[in-house]
Protein backbone atom coordinates (compact mmCIF):
# COMPACT_ATOMS: atom_id res chain seq x y z
CA UNK A 1 -16.21 2.14 -6.16
CA UNK A 2 -17.43 2.50 -2.46
CA UNK A 3 -18.05 6.19 -2.88
CA UNK A 4 -21.34 7.64 -0.94
CA UNK A 5 -23.92 8.87 -3.62
CA UNK A 6 -25.21 11.30 -1.47
CA UNK A 7 -22.24 12.82 0.44
CA UNK A 8 -19.33 11.36 -1.89
CA UNK A 9 -17.55 10.07 1.41
CA UNK A 10 -14.96 7.49 0.71
CA UNK A 11 -15.30 4.13 2.56
CA UNK A 12 -12.87 1.78 3.02
CA UNK A 13 -12.53 -0.98 -0.23
CA UNK A 14 -10.92 -4.50 0.00
CA UNK A 15 -7.77 -5.11 -1.95
CA UNK A 16 -9.92 -7.52 -4.09
CA UNK A 17 -11.88 -4.72 -4.93
CA UNK A 18 -9.43 -2.50 -5.68
CA UNK A 19 -7.55 -4.88 -7.91
CA UNK A 20 -10.64 -5.51 -10.08
CA UNK A 21 -10.84 -1.57 -10.43
CA UNK A 22 -7.06 -1.37 -11.45
CA UNK A 23 -6.32 -4.07 -13.44
CA UNK A 24 -7.85 -5.00 -16.76
CA UNK A 25 -10.50 -8.20 -16.58
CA UNK A 26 -8.48 -11.51 -16.66
CA UNK A 27 -4.89 -9.97 -16.98
CA UNK A 28 -4.26 -10.32 -13.01
CA UNK A 29 -1.56 -12.95 -11.95
CA UNK A 30 -0.76 -12.80 -8.26
CA UNK A 31 2.59 -13.58 -6.69
CA UNK A 32 3.87 -15.58 -3.61
CA UNK A 33 0.10 -16.54 -3.00
CA UNK A 34 1.30 -18.89 -0.22
CA UNK A 35 3.25 -16.85 1.81
CA UNK A 36 2.11 -17.06 5.75
CA UNK A 37 3.59 -15.26 8.73
CA UNK A 38 4.96 -17.61 11.57
CA UNK A 39 5.64 -16.42 14.89
CA UNK A 40 8.85 -15.46 14.79
CA UNK A 41 9.56 -13.48 18.51
CA UNK A 42 6.86 -15.89 20.15
CA UNK A 43 4.79 -12.84 20.92
CA UNK A 44 2.24 -13.91 23.67
CA UNK A 45 -0.45 -11.25 25.08
CA UNK A 46 -2.99 -11.97 27.35
CA UNK A 47 -5.71 -12.20 24.63
CA UNK A 48 -5.40 -14.85 21.99
CA UNK A 49 -2.18 -15.76 20.55
CA UNK A 50 -0.26 -14.00 17.66
CA UNK A 51 -0.82 -17.20 15.27
CA UNK A 52 -4.52 -17.58 16.64
CA UNK A 53 -4.81 -13.98 15.53
CA UNK A 54 -3.48 -14.74 11.96
CA UNK A 55 -5.89 -18.00 11.48
CA UNK A 56 -8.75 -15.67 12.35
CA UNK A 57 -8.07 -12.87 9.84
CA UNK A 58 -7.66 -15.47 7.36
CA UNK A 59 -11.13 -17.02 8.05
CA UNK A 60 -12.56 -13.67 8.35
CA UNK A 61 -10.99 -12.07 5.11
CA UNK A 62 -10.00 -14.72 2.82
CA UNK A 63 -6.70 -13.20 2.22
CA UNK A 64 -3.31 -14.93 3.72
CA UNK A 65 -1.70 -11.50 4.53
CA UNK A 66 -2.15 -7.78 4.72
CA UNK A 67 -1.10 -7.48 1.28
CA UNK A 68 -1.69 -8.65 -2.31
CA UNK A 69 0.99 -8.67 -5.15
CA UNK A 70 0.72 -9.55 -8.71
CA UNK A 71 1.45 -8.36 -11.90
CA UNK A 72 -1.58 -7.44 -14.57
CA UNK A 73 -2.33 -4.67 -16.95
CA UNK A 74 -3.75 -2.00 -16.67
CA UNK A 75 -5.24 -0.27 -19.48
CA UNK A 76 -3.24 -2.55 -21.33
CA UNK A 77 -0.09 -1.55 -20.12
CA UNK A 78 1.59 -4.47 -17.89
CA UNK A 79 2.35 -3.49 -14.50
CA UNK A 80 3.41 -4.65 -10.81
CA UNK A 81 1.14 -3.90 -8.40
CA UNK A 82 1.05 -3.97 -4.71
CA UNK A 83 -2.53 -3.65 -2.64
CA UNK A 84 -2.62 -3.57 0.78
CA UNK A 85 -5.91 -4.33 3.00
CA UNK A 86 -7.02 -2.62 6.41
CA UNK A 87 -9.21 -5.44 6.99
CA UNK A 88 -6.12 -7.90 7.43
CA UNK A 89 -4.85 -6.84 10.81
CA UNK A 90 -5.01 -2.94 10.32
CA UNK A 91 -2.68 -3.68 7.16
CA UNK A 92 -0.16 -3.99 9.48
CA UNK A 93 3.41 -4.64 7.61
CA UNK A 94 4.69 -7.65 9.32
CA UNK A 95 7.99 -9.94 7.86
CA UNK A 96 5.39 -11.91 5.37
CA UNK A 97 4.06 -8.42 3.80
CA UNK A 98 7.85 -6.99 3.40
CA UNK A 99 8.92 -9.88 1.96
CA UNK A 100 6.01 -10.22 -0.69
CA UNK A 101 6.34 -6.55 -1.82
CA UNK A 102 10.13 -6.89 -1.59
CA UNK A 103 9.96 -9.47 -4.46
CA UNK A 104 7.73 -7.48 -6.46
CA UNK A 105 9.77 -5.04 -6.75
CA UNK A 106 12.80 -7.18 -7.52
CA UNK A 107 10.61 -8.87 -9.97
CA UNK A 108 9.40 -5.02 -11.41
CA UNK A 109 13.36 -4.54 -11.59
CA UNK A 110 14.41 -7.83 -13.65
CA UNK A 111 11.26 -7.27 -15.76
CA UNK A 112 11.61 -3.32 -16.05
CA UNK A 113 7.92 -2.70 -15.42
CA UNK A 114 6.12 -0.06 -13.73
CA UNK A 115 5.12 -0.33 -9.93
CA UNK A 116 1.86 0.78 -8.06
CA UNK A 117 1.41 0.15 -4.51
CA UNK A 118 -1.50 1.07 -2.70
CA UNK A 119 -0.76 1.66 0.79
CA UNK A 120 -3.49 1.09 3.71
CA UNK A 121 -1.85 0.50 6.98
CA UNK A 122 -1.41 1.08 10.81
CA UNK A 123 2.33 0.59 10.29
CA UNK A 124 4.93 -1.79 11.48
CA UNK A 125 3.27 -4.95 12.98
CA UNK A 126 4.03 -5.16 16.99
CA UNK A 127 3.71 -8.93 17.05
CA UNK A 128 6.88 -9.10 15.09
CA UNK A 129 8.86 -6.62 16.98
CA UNK A 130 12.12 -5.36 15.21
CA UNK A 131 11.51 -7.91 12.25
CA UNK A 132 8.86 -5.72 11.12
CA UNK A 133 10.63 -2.67 11.40
CA UNK A 134 13.72 -4.39 9.32
CA UNK A 135 10.90 -4.57 6.34
CA UNK A 136 11.22 -0.70 5.89
CA UNK A 137 15.18 -0.84 5.25
CA UNK A 138 14.54 -3.90 2.96
CA UNK A 139 12.16 -2.15 0.62
CA UNK A 140 13.43 0.68 0.51
CA UNK A 141 16.64 -0.64 -0.52
CA UNK A 142 15.21 -2.55 -3.42
CA UNK A 143 13.38 0.66 -4.36
CA UNK A 144 16.72 2.53 -4.81
CA UNK A 145 18.06 -0.47 -6.96
CA UNK A 146 14.50 -0.04 -9.11
CA UNK A 147 14.64 3.61 -9.14
CA UNK A 148 18.17 5.19 -8.98
CA UNK A 149 20.25 2.17 -10.53
CA UNK A 150 17.58 0.88 -13.26
CA UNK A 151 15.84 4.19 -13.52
CA UNK A 152 12.47 2.56 -13.57
CA UNK A 153 9.23 4.30 -12.39
CA UNK A 154 6.80 3.96 -9.12
CA UNK A 155 3.67 5.68 -8.05
CA UNK A 156 2.61 5.07 -4.40
CA UNK A 157 -1.19 5.43 -3.82
CA UNK A 158 -1.96 6.55 -0.13
CA UNK A 159 -5.70 5.56 0.44
CA UNK A 160 -7.04 5.94 4.24
CA UNK A 161 -5.39 5.23 6.47
CA UNK A 162 -1.64 5.20 5.70
CA UNK A 163 0.38 5.58 9.12
CA UNK A 164 3.36 4.41 10.59
CA UNK A 165 6.34 2.39 9.09
CA UNK A 166 4.38 2.44 5.64
CA UNK A 167 4.33 6.40 5.59
CA UNK A 168 7.76 6.41 6.56
CA UNK A 169 9.02 3.97 4.20
CA UNK A 170 7.79 2.98 0.68
CA UNK A 171 4.72 5.31 0.86
CA UNK A 172 6.85 8.36 0.59
CA UNK A 173 9.31 7.08 -1.79
CA UNK A 174 7.17 7.13 -5.01
CA UNK A 175 8.12 9.08 -8.23
CA UNK A 176 4.88 10.42 -8.07
CA UNK A 177 2.78 10.01 -5.01
CA UNK A 178 -0.90 10.12 -5.69
CA UNK A 179 -3.56 10.83 -2.40
CA UNK A 180 -6.95 9.82 -2.49
CA UNK A 181 -9.61 12.52 -1.34
CA UNK A 182 -9.85 13.32 2.57
CA UNK A 183 -7.25 10.01 3.38
CA UNK A 184 -5.79 9.92 6.85
CA UNK A 185 -2.13 10.43 5.86
CA UNK A 186 0.27 10.46 9.18
CA UNK A 187 3.59 9.28 10.86
CA UNK A 188 2.13 9.43 14.29
CA UNK A 189 -1.78 8.81 14.76
CA UNK A 190 -3.84 11.68 16.21
CA UNK A 191 -4.45 9.31 19.69
CA UNK A 192 -0.66 8.19 19.78
CA UNK A 193 0.93 12.11 19.54
CA UNK A 194 -2.17 13.49 22.25
CA UNK A 195 -1.28 10.70 24.68
CA UNK A 196 2.74 11.49 24.32
CA UNK A 197 2.67 15.36 23.95
CA UNK A 198 -0.10 16.13 26.04
CA UNK A 199 -1.24 18.14 23.10
CA UNK A 200 -4.29 18.59 20.93
CA UNK A 201 -3.69 17.77 17.18
CA UNK A 202 -5.84 20.15 15.00
CA UNK A 203 -8.95 18.72 13.65
CA UNK A 204 -7.91 17.91 9.64
CA UNK A 205 -4.04 18.31 10.12
CA UNK A 206 -3.72 14.80 8.89
CA UNK A 207 -5.93 14.88 6.14
CA UNK A 208 -4.70 14.49 2.59
CA UNK A 209 -6.26 18.31 1.45
CA UNK A 210 -4.22 19.60 4.66
CA UNK A 211 -0.91 17.90 3.71
CA UNK A 212 -1.30 18.46 -0.03
CA UNK A 213 -0.94 22.41 0.69
CA UNK A 214 2.42 21.60 3.05
CA UNK A 215 3.45 19.66 -0.47
CA UNK A 216 3.66 16.02 1.04
CA UNK A 217 2.33 14.28 -2.35
CA UNK A 218 1.86 15.10 -5.52
CA UNK A 219 -1.91 15.50 -6.72
CA UNK A 220 -5.30 13.85 -5.06
CA UNK A 221 -7.09 11.95 -7.49
CA UNK A 222 -10.73 10.73 -6.83
CA UNK A 223 -10.71 7.31 -7.14
CA UNK A 224 -13.10 7.17 -10.59
CA UNK A 225 -10.08 8.89 -12.05
CA UNK A 226 -7.40 7.28 -10.89
CA UNK A 227 -6.78 4.34 -13.49
CA UNK A 228 -6.86 7.02 -16.45
CA UNK A 229 -4.23 9.03 -14.31
CA UNK A 230 -1.82 6.32 -14.12
CA UNK A 231 -2.19 5.20 -17.61
CA UNK A 232 -1.30 8.21 -18.91
CA UNK A 233 1.32 8.57 -16.41
CA UNK A 234 2.99 5.03 -17.38
CA UNK A 235 2.62 6.52 -20.93
CA UNK A 236 4.53 9.82 -20.51
CA UNK A 237 7.19 7.81 -18.62
CA UNK A 238 7.14 5.78 -21.78
CA UNK A 239 5.07 2.57 -20.61
CA UNK A 240 2.93 1.81 -23.52
CA UNK A 241 0.15 -0.33 -24.10
CA UNK A 242 0.80 -4.03 -25.49
CA UNK A 243 -0.10 -3.87 -28.94
CA UNK A 244 -3.12 -6.09 -29.76
CA UNK A 245 -1.43 -6.95 -33.13
């Protein structure tokens, strides 16, 4: 589970490993797998072009984008799940990430499925400019239909790090918001705040345990207990396992 056996430190975990931990074996069915980013604003930096960066991250991670979405079963309960991957361009949310998550929410709305989104992101992807910021509104409006109109159940899971436009949109919109122990959760990162305001950010003030006492989310759940907790929450909200008979 990528937890240090000596000190209990939580190491980062890939989206594929997390799907393996969360979804029952043999039930994972990916969605929109072939969707890839173009270069909508023709972003040219002095380093490598945006298209080349995408290509190199695809080769390095084996993923097409910074989120994997799909359906599966969690202890027998059918769920729609999206898992972000920090190893792919810092889990940044460009138009493909936004579109994949929106389509997942719409699918869950139509099929009346409970929804899990696992956040691990540096925020909106700067290489797509305003188009990446538009994803915040698009996802939030899809969630409004899912939660308010259809009265369905969405759990967001904040892992380390969850920052920027992801925190400011779907990360904080869960009916139940769960954080991993010692996760780094913020809107603006420590360095940005310190450079902008010329003030020192107190040590630990953006850690899950500190924010929990400020009422920012519901429980902090250790990784090894998460599947059981989710299963109980879904059954509490009347989502039950398939009857094998």
